[in-house]
Amino acid sequence: MSSGYKQLRAEERGVIMAMSLQGSSARSIGRMLNRAPSTITRELRRNGHHAEGEVVWGRPRLAPGYDAVSAGKRALRMRRRARRVRKLRPHTALWSRTMELLGRRWSPQQIATILKREQPARADMQASHETIYTAIYARPKGELRKELTSLLRQARGARRPHGRNAEQRGKLADMLSIHVRPPEVNDRLVPGHWEGDPIKGARNQSCVGTLVCRRTCFVMIVKVDGATALDVFRGFEAAFGPLDEALRKSLTYDQGKEMALHKRLAESTGLTIYFADPHSPWQRGRNENINGLIRQYLPKGTDLSVYSQRQLDAIAWELNTRPRNTLDWKTPAEAFFQDCLDHNAQFPEGVALGV
């Protein structure tokens, strides 16, 4: 039996009419058509003609009044009636505003929230994030659909499965496990706790570092002059250096070889560095989410060495000025600035300001 349902064809309705006239059961008709018995009974219930009282055990009998031609006409009429005009469609004001925000690399959830705030009294100018996704993926395959999906964070229709092969990398020495991280870090109650990760460029020959504040989602994108542990150390040292002590307390990282100099980085910056378990990206959820956003600007296969720190700061600032659901739709920049004020920490000049 087919795994995907398809509408009954005229020929199949003809078989249903002929076999029902012979008194065949729904199960036998289903076997003949390679259809589920429920499909047959539903067809007869919707489009058949049953004499009054023709009910057995609460279900209509296969009455001889079923007519394939009239059933087909009724089914076509009902299908046309069921079609609804899409709320989010081209050449409307709602579509134009949605495309404008997508062009600014906002997520559908961010767009849905802002649309509701902008036009609280106009339902015709609001759309849920599911409506936005549906409008994009319902487009016929072609250049327009490709252009629209490229604006989404993950520019593909489905996630690719990630294998869970046995760990083949050597382990870093003297690692501090994420499982000994204190509650204040886990609960995101105070500022100064960060998550970090590298984003690799073409052929793994270039990379940039990403640092995300666990409490405020504030992101810094760090230029790294190579892909070695020394390059990463120098880049992260330069990024954390201008921060007030209240804003640099801990860093949670994965077990990549580029962090081989983690003890040296801890001594230089005063950070306590924790390492997540292998193949456990959810333990650094903030960072994984931000990396997905950054990939819209720095696609895989890009030579990342061509980007200056000024250009990376501009990307970071664009991300830091987007409203976030986890911050009650405040921006990371607003939340980070507020933390600086609340803890008498001076905001470092030139950090991810995009200037």
Protein backbone atom coordinates (compact mmCIF):
# COMPACT_ATOMS: atom_id res chain seq x y z
CA MET A 1 0.00 0.00 0.00
CA SER A 2 1.28 3.44 -0.86
CA SER A 3 2.78 5.48 1.99
CA GLY A 4 1.46 8.79 0.63
CA TYR A 5 -2.26 9.48 0.14
CA LYS A 6 -3.55 10.51 -3.29
CA GLN A 7 -7.04 11.58 -4.32
CA LEU A 8 -9.22 8.87 -5.81
CA ARG A 9 -9.20 8.78 -9.59
CA ALA A 10 -12.27 8.43 -11.81
CA GLU A 11 -11.30 4.82 -12.63
CA GLU A 12 -11.12 3.96 -8.93
CA ARG A 13 -14.53 5.48 -8.30
CA GLY A 14 -15.85 3.32 -11.14
CA VAL A 15 -14.50 0.19 -9.43
CA ILE A 16 -16.07 1.30 -6.12
CA MET A 17 -19.43 1.75 -7.83
CA ALA A 18 -19.27 -1.64 -9.57
CA MET A 19 -18.11 -3.61 -6.54
CA SER A 20 -20.54 -1.88 -4.16
CA LEU A 21 -23.39 -2.87 -6.50
CA GLN A 22 -22.17 -6.47 -6.12
CA GLY A 23 -22.32 -6.12 -2.33
CA SER A 24 -18.54 -6.19 -1.79
CA SER A 25 -17.16 -5.01 1.52
CA ALA A 26 -14.98 -1.95 1.95
CA ARG A 27 -12.04 -4.20 2.82
CA SER A 28 -12.32 -6.22 -0.38
CA ILE A 29 -12.69 -3.06 -2.48
CA GLY A 30 -9.63 -1.61 -0.73
CA ARG A 31 -7.59 -4.71 -1.54
CA MET A 32 -8.58 -4.49 -5.17
CA LEU A 33 -7.53 -0.81 -5.40
CA ASN A 34 -4.55 -1.09 -3.05
CA ARG A 35 -6.28 1.42 -0.77
CA ALA A 36 -7.04 1.45 2.93
CA PRO A 37 -10.58 0.30 3.85
CA SER A 38 -11.09 3.63 5.62
CA THR A 39 -10.56 5.41 2.27
CA ILE A 40 -13.42 3.43 0.75
CA THR A 41 -15.82 3.95 3.64
CA ARG A 42 -14.97 7.65 3.78
CA GLU A 43 -15.64 7.99 0.04
CA LEU A 44 -19.01 6.30 0.38
CA ARG A 45 -19.92 8.32 3.43
CA ARG A 46 -19.02 11.62 1.74
CA ASN A 47 -20.19 11.00 -1.81
CA GLY A 48 -22.56 8.03 -1.64
CA HIS A 49 -26.35 7.93 -1.41
CA HIS A 50 -27.61 5.89 1.52
CA ALA A 51 -31.16 4.94 2.23
CA GLU A 52 -32.50 6.23 5.52
CA GLY A 53 -31.69 3.85 8.33
CA GLU A 54 -28.98 2.01 6.40
CA VAL A 55 -26.61 1.86 9.38
CA VAL A 56 -24.87 -1.20 10.79
CA TRP A 57 -22.89 -0.99 14.05
CA GLY A 58 -22.91 2.78 13.82
CA ARG A 59 -21.47 2.85 10.27
CA PRO A 60 -23.21 3.30 6.90
CA ARG A 61 -23.60 0.16 4.80
CA LEU A 62 -22.23 0.03 1.27
CA ALA A 63 -25.51 1.09 -0.25
CA PRO A 64 -26.11 0.50 -3.97
CA GLY A 65 -26.85 4.20 -4.51
CA TYR A 66 -23.20 5.22 -5.05
CA ASP A 67 -22.65 6.91 -8.43
CA ALA A 68 -19.06 7.43 -9.61
CA VAL A 69 -19.81 10.40 -11.88
CA SER A 70 -21.74 12.48 -9.34
CA ALA A 71 -19.25 11.52 -6.63
CA GLY A 72 -16.38 12.80 -8.76
CA LYS A 73 -18.17 16.09 -9.44
CA ARG A 74 -18.96 16.60 -5.78
CA ALA A 75 -15.38 15.81 -4.74
CA LEU A 76 -14.03 18.36 -7.25
CA ARG A 77 -16.52 20.96 -6.05
CA MET A 78 -15.55 20.41 -2.42
CA ARG A 79 -11.83 20.67 -3.23
CA ARG A 80 -12.35 24.03 -4.92
CA ARG A 81 -14.45 25.26 -2.02
CA ALA A 82 -11.77 24.24 0.48
CA ARG A 83 -9.11 26.40 -1.11
CA ARG A 84 -8.36 29.53 0.86
CA VAL A 85 -6.64 32.64 -0.38
CA ARG A 86 -3.18 32.74 1.17
CA LYS A 87 -2.75 35.56 3.65
CA LEU A 88 0.90 36.09 2.77
CA ARG A 89 1.16 36.36 -1.00
CA PRO A 90 3.12 38.50 -3.46
CA HIS A 91 2.05 42.03 -4.37
CA THR A 92 0.53 42.74 -0.93
CA ALA A 93 1.71 45.17 1.74
CA LEU A 94 2.23 42.30 4.19
CA TRP A 95 4.43 40.45 1.70
CA SER A 96 6.51 43.57 1.01
CA ARG A 97 7.13 44.24 4.70
CA THR A 98 7.99 40.58 5.35
CA MET A 99 10.44 40.49 2.44
CA GLU A 100 12.03 43.71 3.68
CA LEU A 101 12.74 42.19 7.11
CA LEU A 102 13.90 38.91 5.58
CA GLY A 103 16.32 40.93 3.51
CA ARG A 104 17.72 42.28 6.77
CA ARG A 105 18.28 38.64 7.79
CA TRP A 106 15.61 38.60 10.48
CA SER A 107 14.17 35.22 11.39
CA PRO A 108 10.46 34.48 10.71
CA GLN A 109 9.79 34.48 14.47
CA GLN A 110 11.36 37.91 14.86
CA ILE A 111 9.38 39.18 11.88
CA ALA A 112 6.09 37.79 13.23
CA THR A 113 6.60 39.49 16.58
CA ILE A 114 7.51 42.86 15.09
CA LEU A 115 4.59 42.77 12.64
CA LYS A 116 2.22 42.31 15.55
CA ARG A 117 3.82 45.20 17.42
CA GLU A 118 3.72 47.49 14.38
CA GLN A 119 0.08 46.82 13.51
CA PRO A 120 -1.66 45.49 16.66
CA ALA A 121 -5.14 46.33 15.37
CA ARG A 122 -4.71 45.00 11.83
CA ALA A 123 -4.85 41.25 11.45
CA ASP A 124 -4.27 41.60 7.71
CA MET A 125 -0.80 43.02 8.42
CA GLN A 126 0.21 40.22 10.79
CA ALA A 127 1.55 36.75 10.03
CA SER A 128 2.79 33.94 12.24
CA HIS A 129 6.27 32.52 11.75
CA GLU A 130 4.68 29.31 10.41
CA THR A 131 2.79 31.35 7.81
CA ILE A 132 6.05 32.96 6.72
CA TYR A 133 7.84 29.62 6.41
CA THR A 134 4.89 28.17 4.49
CA ALA A 135 4.78 31.12 2.08
CA ILE A 136 8.48 30.63 1.30
CA TYR A 137 8.51 26.86 0.89
CA ALA A 138 5.19 26.76 -0.96
CA ARG A 139 6.78 28.66 -3.83
CA PRO A 140 7.43 26.55 -6.95
CA LYS A 141 11.01 25.43 -7.34
CA GLY A 142 13.03 28.00 -9.19
CA GLU A 143 15.16 31.09 -8.78
CA LEU A 144 12.60 32.97 -6.66
CA ARG A 145 12.27 30.15 -4.14
CA LYS A 146 16.03 29.72 -4.05
CA GLU A 147 16.42 33.44 -3.40
CA LEU A 148 13.89 33.35 -0.54
CA THR A 149 15.27 30.26 1.18
CA SER A 150 18.76 31.76 1.01
CA LEU A 151 17.51 34.49 3.35
CA LEU A 152 16.71 31.94 6.05
CA ARG A 153 19.32 31.01 8.63
CA GLN A 154 19.60 27.47 7.34
CA ALA A 155 19.28 27.81 3.57
CA ARG A 156 17.89 24.33 3.03
CA GLY A 157 14.57 22.54 3.39
CA ALA A 158 15.63 20.01 6.01
CA ARG A 159 18.45 19.48 8.43
CA ARG A 160 21.11 17.03 7.50
CA PRO A 161 21.69 14.18 9.96
CA HIS A 162 24.91 14.34 11.89
CA GLY A 163 26.74 11.10 12.48
CA ARG A 164 27.88 10.13 15.94
CA ASN A 165 31.16 8.44 15.22
CA ALA A 166 33.51 7.51 17.99
CA GLU A 167 35.75 10.35 19.14
CA GLN A 168 38.93 10.22 17.09
CA ARG A 169 40.63 13.42 18.20
CA GLY A 170 43.26 13.59 20.88
CA LYS A 171 42.11 15.15 24.13
CA LEU A 172 43.31 18.43 25.54
CA ALA A 173 45.38 18.34 28.69
CA ASP A 174 44.04 19.60 32.05
CA MET A 175 40.51 20.27 30.82
CA LEU A 176 37.90 21.54 33.26
CA SER A 177 34.61 19.75 32.51
CA ILE A 178 31.36 21.59 31.97
CA HIS A 179 29.87 19.37 34.67
CA VAL A 180 31.75 21.25 37.40
CA ARG A 181 30.51 24.61 36.18
CA PRO A 182 28.87 26.52 39.08
CA PRO A 183 25.12 27.22 39.18
CA GLU A 184 25.55 30.94 38.50
CA VAL A 185 26.93 30.05 35.07
CA ASN A 186 24.31 27.41 34.30
CA ASP A 187 21.42 29.68 35.32
CA ARG A 188 22.64 32.73 33.35
CA LEU A 189 21.94 34.96 36.33
CA VAL A 190 25.01 37.18 36.12
CA PRO A 191 27.03 38.64 33.24
CA GLY A 192 30.57 37.72 32.33
CA HIS A 193 30.04 34.11 31.27
CA TRP A 194 30.68 33.33 27.61
CA GLU A 195 30.48 30.51 25.09
CA GLY A 196 33.04 30.24 22.29
CA ASP A 197 33.66 28.38 19.06
CA PRO A 198 35.59 28.77 15.81
CA ILE A 199 33.95 29.06 12.40
CA LYS A 200 36.18 27.45 9.78
CA GLY A 201 36.71 28.80 6.29
CA ALA A 202 37.54 27.14 2.98
CA ARG A 203 39.53 23.89 3.37
CA ASN A 204 39.87 24.66 7.11
CA GLN A 205 42.71 27.06 6.29
CA SER A 206 41.12 30.14 7.83
CA CYS A 207 38.78 30.79 10.70
CA VAL A 208 37.15 33.41 12.89
CA GLY A 209 36.30 33.06 16.56
CA THR A 210 32.79 33.59 17.90
CA LEU A 211 32.11 34.60 21.51
CA VAL A 212 28.58 34.86 22.92
CA CYS A 213 27.52 36.14 26.32
CA ARG A 214 25.31 33.48 27.90
CA ARG A 215 23.14 36.01 29.73
CA THR A 216 22.57 38.66 27.05
CA CYS A 217 23.32 36.87 23.73
CA PHE A 218 25.79 39.67 22.96
CA VAL A 219 28.22 38.41 20.30
CA MET A 220 31.79 39.26 19.37
CA ILE A 221 33.30 37.95 16.14
CA VAL A 222 37.07 37.73 16.41
CA LYS A 223 39.52 37.89 13.53
CA VAL A 224 42.05 35.07 13.76
CA ASP A 225 45.15 35.29 11.60
CA GLY A 226 45.32 31.54 11.03
CA ALA A 227 43.83 28.28 12.27
CA THR A 228 46.43 27.21 14.85
CA ALA A 229 46.11 27.19 18.63
CA LEU A 230 48.48 30.17 18.87
CA ASP A 231 46.37 32.16 16.39
CA VAL A 232 43.20 31.45 18.37
CA PHE A 233 44.92 32.34 21.65
CA ARG A 234 46.05 35.71 20.29
CA GLY A 235 42.64 36.48 18.82
CA PHE A 236 40.69 35.64 21.99
CA GLU A 237 43.20 37.42 24.20
CA ALA A 238 42.73 40.58 22.15
CA ALA A 239 38.93 40.23 22.29
CA PHE A 240 38.68 39.72 26.06
CA GLY A 241 41.43 42.20 26.94
CA PRO A 242 39.31 45.40 26.79
CA LEU A 243 36.48 43.90 28.87
CA ASP A 244 35.99 44.85 32.50
CA GLU A 245 36.66 42.02 34.99
CA ALA A 246 32.94 41.85 35.75
CA LEU A 247 32.35 41.01 32.08
CA ARG A 248 34.93 38.20 31.73
CA LYS A 249 34.47 35.44 34.27
CA SER A 250 34.21 32.18 32.35
CA LEU A 251 34.31 30.69 28.86
CA THR A 252 32.66 27.44 27.80
CA TYR A 253 34.18 25.86 24.70
CA ASP A 254 34.20 22.58 22.81
CA GLN A 255 37.18 20.24 22.79
CA GLY A 256 38.74 21.46 19.56
CA LYS A 257 42.52 21.32 19.18
CA GLU A 258 42.59 25.08 18.56
CA MET A 259 42.13 25.50 22.34
CA ALA A 260 45.35 23.67 23.20
CA LEU A 261 46.61 26.88 24.84
CA HIS A 262 43.55 27.23 27.09
CA LYS A 263 45.62 27.38 30.29
CA ARG A 264 47.64 30.23 28.86
CA LEU A 265 44.46 32.05 27.83
CA ALA A 266 42.99 31.58 31.32
CA GLU A 267 46.11 33.02 32.94
CA SER A 268 46.20 35.97 30.54
CA THR A 269 42.53 36.97 30.80
CA GLY A 270 41.43 35.68 34.22
CA LEU A 271 38.76 33.49 32.62
CA THR A 272 37.82 30.08 33.99
CA ILE A 273 37.54 27.86 30.91
CA TYR A 274 35.13 24.89 30.86
CA PHE A 275 34.90 22.29 28.11
CA ALA A 276 31.68 20.73 26.83
CA ASP A 277 31.31 17.02 26.15
CA PRO A 278 32.13 15.75 22.64
CA HIS A 279 29.20 15.76 20.20
CA SER A 280 27.03 17.79 22.60
CA PRO A 281 26.27 21.10 20.85
CA TRP A 282 23.22 21.70 23.09
CA GLN A 283 25.63 22.34 25.97
CA ARG A 284 26.65 25.51 24.11
CA GLY A 285 23.24 26.35 22.73
CA ARG A 286 23.76 30.10 22.59
CA ASN A 287 26.90 29.72 20.52
CA GLU A 288 25.44 27.15 18.15
CA ASN A 289 22.49 29.42 17.46
CA ILE A 290 24.70 32.43 16.82
CA ASN A 291 26.99 30.44 14.52
CA GLY A 292 23.96 29.61 12.40
CA LEU A 293 23.19 33.32 12.12
CA ILE A 294 26.77 34.22 11.29
CA ARG A 295 26.86 31.63 8.51
CA GLN A 296 24.36 33.81 6.63
CA TYR A 297 27.13 36.38 6.36
CA LEU A 298 30.11 34.00 6.17
CA PRO A 299 28.92 30.96 4.16
CA LYS A 300 30.77 27.68 4.25
CA GLY A 301 33.59 27.52 1.73
CA THR A 302 34.41 31.22 2.18
CA ASP A 303 38.00 32.38 2.66
CA LEU A 304 37.61 34.08 6.04
CA SER A 305 41.08 35.58 6.02
CA VAL A 306 39.91 38.36 3.70
CA TYR A 307 37.64 39.88 6.37
CA SER A 308 39.00 42.66 8.55
CA GLN A 309 38.10 43.05 12.22
CA ARG A 310 36.11 46.14 11.25
CA GLN A 311 33.99 44.08 8.84
CA LEU A 312 33.45 41.35 11.45
CA ASP A 313 32.44 43.99 13.99
CA ALA A 314 29.83 45.30 11.55
CA ILE A 315 28.31 41.81 11.24
CA ALA A 316 28.33 41.38 15.02
CA TRP A 317 26.65 44.74 15.54
CA GLU A 318 23.89 43.85 13.11
CA LEU A 319 23.24 40.70 15.13
CA ASN A 320 23.45 42.60 18.42
CA THR A 321 20.75 45.03 17.34
CA ARG A 322 18.16 42.40 16.44
CA PRO A 323 15.36 41.76 18.98
CA ARG A 324 15.57 38.33 20.61
CA ASN A 325 12.78 36.18 22.01
CA THR A 326 14.93 34.99 24.92
CA LEU A 327 15.42 38.63 25.98
CA ASP A 328 11.70 39.45 25.88
CA TRP A 329 12.34 40.99 22.46
CA LYS A 330 15.01 43.39 23.63
CA THR A 331 18.22 43.47 21.63
CA PRO A 332 21.46 41.90 22.92
CA ALA A 333 23.09 45.34 22.80
CA GLU A 334 20.41 46.79 25.08
CA ALA A 335 20.75 43.91 27.54
CA PHE A 336 24.56 44.05 27.51
CA PHE A 337 24.63 47.83 28.06
CA GLN A 338 22.19 47.43 30.95
CA ASP A 339 24.45 44.82 32.55
CA CYS A 340 27.36 47.23 32.26
CA LEU A 341 25.34 49.90 34.09
CA ASP A 342 24.03 47.52 36.76
CA HIS A 343 27.51 46.22 37.60
CA ASN A 344 29.42 49.49 37.25
CA ALA A 345 31.38 48.03 34.34
CA GLN A 346 32.60 50.35 31.64
CA PHE A 347 31.51 49.28 28.18
CA PRO A 348 34.69 48.75 26.15
CA GLU A 349 35.08 51.09 23.22
CA GLY A 350 35.21 49.53 19.77
CA VAL A 351 33.88 46.09 20.80
CA ALA A 352 31.49 44.80 18.10
CA LEU A 353 30.23 48.29 17.39
CA GLY A 354 30.31 47.93 13.63
CA VAL A 355 32.09 51.27 13.23
